[in-house]
Amino acid sequence: MMWVVYILIAAATFLFMEFVAWFTHKYVMHGVLWFLHEDHHDGGYHPFQKNDAFFLIFAIPCWLSTMFGLMYEMYWLVSIGAGIFLYGWCYFLVHDVVIHQRFKWFTRSNNHYIKVIRWAHKMHHKHRNKFGGESFGLLIVPIKYWDKVKQDERDSYKAKITIFEDERRTIQHRNTIN
């Protein structure tokens, strides 16, 4: 039955990592380690960035938790390592694949949540320096971005209806002429 506890610990660690990532992004990446993060904000495409060093920074506690947990049979510590690992994979998929499309795997998603996180990240990247930033999280974003995407979707729907109505009127007009 302990496996349930280990799964819960891994899940709680995963959720806690969103806060850790937000805090690190806002106060470390946009602070003392800006020199590593700066190339991520310069607007150009780089297959590899200094910013990628943060992968190693986050991998170290994952590795240490897993290693020491296995060495000393403290499986709750292995669960923490697993939660960090899972968050790291999620971060890679969402940030590098879905948002920045460094790998062209999911390029045409119309998923509402993906639109929201892409918009929030776009607003984060409109700031080219370390000051005055916004939206430092990855998976949890402020409600204003949800509202913006919802409004864009409504406007897009209204525009499609208008085009449809215009086409319908044009067809009706042609039919009355003939």
C-alpha atoms as a PDB file:
ATOM      1  CA  MET A   1       0.000   0.000   0.000  1.00  0.00           C
ATOM      2  CA  MET A   2       3.025   2.290   0.323  1.00  0.00           C
ATOM      3  CA  TRP A   3       3.091   2.687  -3.452  1.00  0.00           C
ATOM      4  CA  VAL A   4       0.019   4.955  -3.150  1.00  0.00           C
ATOM      5  CA  VAL A   5       1.944   7.203  -0.756  1.00  0.00           C
ATOM      6  CA  TYR A   6       4.902   7.260  -3.163  1.00  0.00           C
ATOM      7  CA  ILE A   7       2.651   8.234  -6.055  1.00  0.00           C
ATOM      8  CA  LEU A   8       1.084  11.006  -3.959  1.00  0.00           C
ATOM      9  CA  ILE A   9       4.536  12.279  -2.986  1.00  0.00           C
ATOM     10  CA  ALA A  10       5.600  12.317  -6.648  1.00  0.00           C
ATOM     11  CA  ALA A  11       2.373  14.154  -7.622  1.00  0.00           C
ATOM     12  CA  ALA A  12       2.784  16.696  -4.809  1.00  0.00           C
ATOM     13  CA  THR A  13       6.400  17.261  -5.855  1.00  0.00           C
ATOM     14  CA  PHE A  14       5.290  17.780  -9.457  1.00  0.00           C
ATOM     15  CA  LEU A  15       2.795  20.436  -8.343  1.00  0.00           C
ATOM     16  CA  PHE A  16       5.340  22.082  -6.031  1.00  0.00           C
ATOM     17  CA  MET A  17       7.806  22.272  -8.933  1.00  0.00           C
ATOM     18  CA  GLU A  18       5.491  24.708 -10.730  1.00  0.00           C
ATOM     19  CA  PHE A  19       5.987  27.122  -7.841  1.00  0.00           C
ATOM     20  CA  VAL A  20       9.743  26.393  -7.774  1.00  0.00           C
ATOM     21  CA  ALA A  21       9.953  27.048 -11.524  1.00  0.00           C
ATOM     22  CA  TRP A  22       7.950  30.296 -11.196  1.00  0.00           C
ATOM     23  CA  PHE A  23      10.101  31.522  -8.286  1.00  0.00           C
ATOM     24  CA  THR A  24      13.362  30.534  -9.993  1.00  0.00           C
ATOM     25  CA  HIS A  25      12.288  32.108 -13.272  1.00  0.00           C
ATOM     26  CA  LYS A  26      11.236  35.392 -11.693  1.00  0.00           C
ATOM     27  CA  TYR A  27      13.948  35.878  -9.077  1.00  0.00           C
ATOM     28  CA  VAL A  28      16.944  33.872 -10.326  1.00  0.00           C
ATOM     29  CA  MET A  29      16.708  33.710 -14.122  1.00  0.00           C
ATOM     30  CA  HIS A  30      15.575  37.334 -14.285  1.00  0.00           C
ATOM     31  CA  GLY A  31      17.974  38.180 -11.470  1.00  0.00           C
ATOM     32  CA  VAL A  32      21.462  37.011 -10.672  1.00  0.00           C
ATOM     33  CA  LEU A  33      21.575  34.371 -13.460  1.00  0.00           C
ATOM     34  CA  TRP A  34      20.211  36.643 -16.191  1.00  0.00           C
ATOM     35  CA  PHE A  35      23.466  36.148 -18.114  1.00  0.00           C
ATOM     36  CA  LEU A  36      22.397  32.518 -18.669  1.00  0.00           C
ATOM     37  CA  HIS A  37      18.768  33.334 -19.458  1.00  0.00           C
ATOM     38  CA  GLU A  38      19.305  36.443 -21.616  1.00  0.00           C
ATOM     39  CA  ASP A  39      19.811  34.618 -24.920  1.00  0.00           C
ATOM     40  CA  HIS A  40      16.370  33.062 -24.456  1.00  0.00           C
ATOM     41  CA  HIS A  41      14.843  36.573 -24.673  1.00  0.00           C
ATOM     42  CA  ASP A  42      16.881  38.048 -27.525  1.00  0.00           C
ATOM     43  CA  GLY A  43      14.286  37.203 -30.174  1.00  0.00           C
ATOM     44  CA  GLY A  44      16.548  35.083 -32.372  1.00  0.00           C
ATOM     45  CA  TYR A  45      16.520  31.362 -32.916  1.00  0.00           C
ATOM     46  CA  HIS A  46      19.330  29.350 -31.385  1.00  0.00           C
ATOM     47  CA  PRO A  47      19.266  25.546 -31.480  1.00  0.00           C
ATOM     48  CA  PHE A  48      21.166  25.583 -28.196  1.00  0.00           C
ATOM     49  CA  GLN A  49      21.144  28.414 -25.694  1.00  0.00           C
ATOM     50  CA  LYS A  50      23.001  29.261 -22.523  1.00  0.00           C
ATOM     51  CA  ASN A  51      19.520  29.091 -21.021  1.00  0.00           C
ATOM     52  CA  ASP A  52      19.630  25.312 -21.527  1.00  0.00           C
ATOM     53  CA  ALA A  53      22.026  25.168 -18.551  1.00  0.00           C
ATOM     54  CA  PHE A  54      18.965  25.413 -16.313  1.00  0.00           C
ATOM     55  CA  PHE A  55      18.148  21.863 -17.377  1.00  0.00           C
ATOM     56  CA  LEU A  56      21.257  20.740 -15.520  1.00  0.00           C
ATOM     57  CA  ILE A  57      20.512  22.956 -12.540  1.00  0.00           C
ATOM     58  CA  PHE A  58      17.093  21.310 -12.136  1.00  0.00           C
ATOM     59  CA  ALA A  59      18.423  17.830 -12.993  1.00  0.00           C
ATOM     60  CA  ILE A  60      20.849  17.817 -10.048  1.00  0.00           C
ATOM     61  CA  PRO A  61      18.230  17.619  -7.249  1.00  0.00           C
ATOM     62  CA  CYS A  62      16.325  15.044  -9.311  1.00  0.00           C
ATOM     63  CA  TRP A  63      19.421  12.880  -9.669  1.00  0.00           C
ATOM     64  CA  LEU A  64      20.505  13.300  -6.039  1.00  0.00           C
ATOM     65  CA  SER A  65      17.027  12.511  -4.684  1.00  0.00           C
ATOM     66  CA  THR A  66      16.790   9.390  -6.800  1.00  0.00           C
ATOM     67  CA  MET A  67      20.340   8.226  -6.120  1.00  0.00           C
ATOM     68  CA  PHE A  68      20.331   8.723  -2.342  1.00  0.00           C
ATOM     69  CA  GLY A  69      16.773   7.438  -2.063  1.00  0.00           C
ATOM     70  CA  LEU A  70      17.786   4.183  -3.755  1.00  0.00           C
ATOM     71  CA  MET A  71      21.111   3.924  -1.901  1.00  0.00           C
ATOM     72  CA  TYR A  72      19.538   4.318   1.526  1.00  0.00           C
ATOM     73  CA  GLU A  73      16.159   2.728   0.706  1.00  0.00           C
ATOM     74  CA  MET A  74      14.313   5.989   1.384  1.00  0.00           C
ATOM     75  CA  TYR A  75      11.715   5.505  -1.315  1.00  0.00           C
ATOM     76  CA  TRP A  76       9.868   8.689  -0.416  1.00  0.00           C
ATOM     77  CA  LEU A  77      13.029  10.477  -1.605  1.00  0.00           C
ATOM     78  CA  VAL A  78      12.931   8.490  -4.849  1.00  0.00           C
ATOM     79  CA  SER A  79       9.336   9.715  -5.225  1.00  0.00           C
ATOM     80  CA  ILE A  80      10.528  13.303  -4.900  1.00  0.00           C
ATOM     81  CA  GLY A  81      13.117  12.633  -7.601  1.00  0.00           C
ATOM     82  CA  ALA A  82      10.381  11.111  -9.774  1.00  0.00           C
ATOM     83  CA  GLY A  83       8.165  14.185  -9.299  1.00  0.00           C
ATOM     84  CA  ILE A  84      11.021  16.505 -10.292  1.00  0.00           C
ATOM     85  CA  PHE A  85      11.784  14.278 -13.282  1.00  0.00           C
ATOM     86  CA  LEU A  86       8.159  14.267 -14.440  1.00  0.00           C
ATOM     87  CA  TYR A  87       7.943  18.045 -14.111  1.00  0.00           C
ATOM     88  CA  GLY A  88      11.171  18.358 -16.102  1.00  0.00           C
ATOM     89  CA  TRP A  89       9.733  16.269 -18.937  1.00  0.00           C
ATOM     90  CA  CYS A  90       6.508  18.252 -18.831  1.00  0.00           C
ATOM     91  CA  TYR A  91       8.501  21.490 -18.901  1.00  0.00           C
ATOM     92  CA  PHE A  92      10.468  20.273 -21.913  1.00  0.00           C
ATOM     93  CA  LEU A  93       7.329  19.234 -23.796  1.00  0.00           C
ATOM     94  CA  VAL A  94       5.348  22.378 -22.991  1.00  0.00           C
ATOM     95  CA  HIS A  95       8.103  25.000 -23.152  1.00  0.00           C
ATOM     96  CA  ASP A  96      10.479  23.708 -25.818  1.00  0.00           C
ATOM     97  CA  VAL A  97       8.104  21.691 -28.004  1.00  0.00           C
ATOM     98  CA  VAL A  98       4.647  23.298 -27.710  1.00  0.00           C
ATOM     99  CA  ILE A  99       5.504  26.946 -27.002  1.00  0.00           C
ATOM    100  CA  HIS A 100       8.847  27.586 -28.708  1.00  0.00           C
ATOM    101  CA  GLN A 101       8.508  24.719 -31.192  1.00  0.00           C
ATOM    102  CA  ARG A 102      12.211  23.866 -31.055  1.00  0.00           C
ATOM    103  CA  PHE A 103      11.001  20.478 -32.265  1.00  0.00           C
ATOM    104  CA  LYS A 104       8.195  20.502 -34.834  1.00  0.00           C
ATOM    105  CA  TRP A 105       5.957  17.942 -33.162  1.00  0.00           C
ATOM    106  CA  PHE A 106       2.779  19.856 -32.202  1.00  0.00           C
ATOM    107  CA  THR A 107       2.613  22.900 -34.436  1.00  0.00           C
ATOM    108  CA  ARG A 108      -1.105  23.317 -35.147  1.00  0.00           C
ATOM    109  CA  SER A 109      -2.998  22.823 -31.926  1.00  0.00           C
ATOM    110  CA  ASN A 110      -6.337  24.537 -31.429  1.00  0.00           C
ATOM    111  CA  ASN A 111      -6.532  23.388 -27.824  1.00  0.00           C
ATOM    112  CA  HIS A 112      -7.789  26.228 -25.617  1.00  0.00           C
ATOM    113  CA  TYR A 113      -5.276  25.576 -22.812  1.00  0.00           C
ATOM    114  CA  ILE A 114      -2.349  25.494 -25.244  1.00  0.00           C
ATOM    115  CA  LYS A 115      -3.492  28.801 -26.740  1.00  0.00           C
ATOM    116  CA  VAL A 116      -3.566  30.300 -23.230  1.00  0.00           C
ATOM    117  CA  ILE A 117      -0.088  29.159 -22.237  1.00  0.00           C
ATOM    118  CA  ARG A 118       1.316  30.250 -25.609  1.00  0.00           C
ATOM    119  CA  TRP A 119      -0.226  33.708 -25.202  1.00  0.00           C
ATOM    120  CA  ALA A 120       1.033  34.058 -21.623  1.00  0.00           C
ATOM    121  CA  HIS A 121       4.527  33.057 -22.726  1.00  0.00           C
ATOM    122  CA  LYS A 122       4.370  35.476 -25.641  1.00  0.00           C
ATOM    123  CA  MET A 123       3.543  38.256 -23.196  1.00  0.00           C
ATOM    124  CA  HIS A 124       6.497  37.156 -21.083  1.00  0.00           C
ATOM    125  CA  HIS A 125       8.830  37.368 -24.076  1.00  0.00           C
ATOM    126  CA  LYS A 126       7.674  40.819 -25.150  1.00  0.00           C
ATOM    127  CA  HIS A 127      10.080  42.027 -22.449  1.00  0.00           C
ATOM    128  CA  ARG A 128      13.575  41.768 -23.925  1.00  0.00           C
ATOM    129  CA  ASN A 129      15.409  42.543 -20.698  1.00  0.00           C
ATOM    130  CA  LYS A 130      15.266  41.215 -17.159  1.00  0.00           C
ATOM    131  CA  PHE A 131      13.080  44.030 -15.845  1.00  0.00           C
ATOM    132  CA  GLY A 132       9.320  44.539 -16.011  1.00  0.00           C
ATOM    133  CA  GLY A 133       8.470  40.977 -16.909  1.00  0.00           C
ATOM    134  CA  GLU A 134       5.171  39.172 -16.495  1.00  0.00           C
ATOM    135  CA  SER A 135       3.864  35.616 -16.545  1.00  0.00           C
ATOM    136  CA  PHE A 136       6.785  33.679 -15.087  1.00  0.00           C
ATOM    137  CA  GLY A 137       4.882  30.424 -14.619  1.00  0.00           C
ATOM    138  CA  LEU A 138       4.541  27.645 -17.145  1.00  0.00           C
ATOM    139  CA  LEU A 139       1.506  25.479 -16.460  1.00  0.00           C
ATOM    140  CA  ILE A 140      -0.519  27.831 -14.251  1.00  0.00           C
ATOM    141  CA  VAL A 141      -1.187  31.225 -15.784  1.00  0.00           C
ATOM    142  CA  PRO A 142      -3.161  34.260 -14.570  1.00  0.00           C
ATOM    143  CA  ILE A 143      -6.839  34.544 -15.468  1.00  0.00           C
ATOM    144  CA  LYS A 144      -6.268  37.598 -17.695  1.00  0.00           C
ATOM    145  CA  TYR A 145      -4.648  35.348 -20.319  1.00  0.00           C
ATOM    146  CA  TRP A 146      -7.593  32.951 -20.214  1.00  0.00           C
ATOM    147  CA  ASP A 147      -9.933  35.927 -20.710  1.00  0.00           C
ATOM    148  CA  LYS A 148      -7.849  37.253 -23.625  1.00  0.00           C
ATOM    149  CA  VAL A 149      -7.875  33.926 -25.466  1.00  0.00           C
ATOM    150  CA  LYS A 150     -11.599  33.460 -24.790  1.00  0.00           C
ATOM    151  CA  GLN A 151     -12.301  36.931 -26.258  1.00  0.00           C
ATOM    152  CA  ASP A 152     -10.112  36.162 -29.298  1.00  0.00           C
ATOM    153  CA  GLU A 153     -12.037  32.925 -29.856  1.00  0.00           C
ATOM    154  CA  ARG A 154     -15.377  34.782 -29.597  1.00  0.00           C
ATOM    155  CA  ASP A 155     -14.173  37.425 -32.062  1.00  0.00           C
ATOM    156  CA  SER A 156     -12.949  34.717 -34.448  1.00  0.00           C
ATOM    157  CA  TYR A 157     -16.308  32.937 -34.216  1.00  0.00           C
ATOM    158  CA  LYS A 158     -18.201  36.190 -34.873  1.00  0.00           C
ATOM    159  CA  ALA A 159     -15.975  36.898 -37.883  1.00  0.00           C
ATOM    160  CA  LYS A 160     -16.682  33.425 -39.299  1.00  0.00           C
ATOM    161  CA  ILE A 161     -20.438  33.927 -38.825  1.00  0.00           C
ATOM    162  CA  THR A 162     -20.228  37.304 -40.570  1.00  0.00           C
ATOM    163  CA  ILE A 163     -18.356  35.784 -43.534  1.00  0.00           C
ATOM    164  CA  PHE A 164     -20.890  32.945 -43.706  1.00  0.00           C
ATOM    165  CA  GLU A 165     -23.803  35.413 -43.658  1.00  0.00           C
ATOM    166  CA  ASP A 166     -22.164  37.542 -46.388  1.00  0.00           C
ATOM    167  CA  GLU A 167     -21.659  34.464 -48.578  1.00  0.00           C
ATOM    168  CA  ARG A 168     -25.268  33.388 -47.989  1.00  0.00           C
ATOM    169  CA  ARG A 169     -26.560  36.846 -49.009  1.00  0.00           C
ATOM    170  CA  THR A 170     -24.369  36.801 -52.124  1.00  0.00           C
ATOM    171  CA  ILE A 171     -25.766  33.417 -53.154  1.00  0.00           C
ATOM    172  CA  GLN A 172     -29.348  34.591 -52.497  1.00  0.00           C
ATOM    173  CA  HIS A 173     -28.703  37.737 -54.538  1.00  0.00           C
ATOM    174  CA  ARG A 174     -27.359  35.664 -57.462  1.00  0.00           C
ATOM    175  CA  ASN A 175     -30.409  33.406 -57.295  1.00  0.00           C
ATOM    176  CA  THR A 176     -32.813  36.364 -57.430  1.00  0.00           C
ATOM    177  CA  ILE A 177     -30.997  37.796 -60.480  1.00  0.00           C
ATOM    178  CA  ASN A 178     -31.239  34.501 -62.380  1.00  0.00           C
END
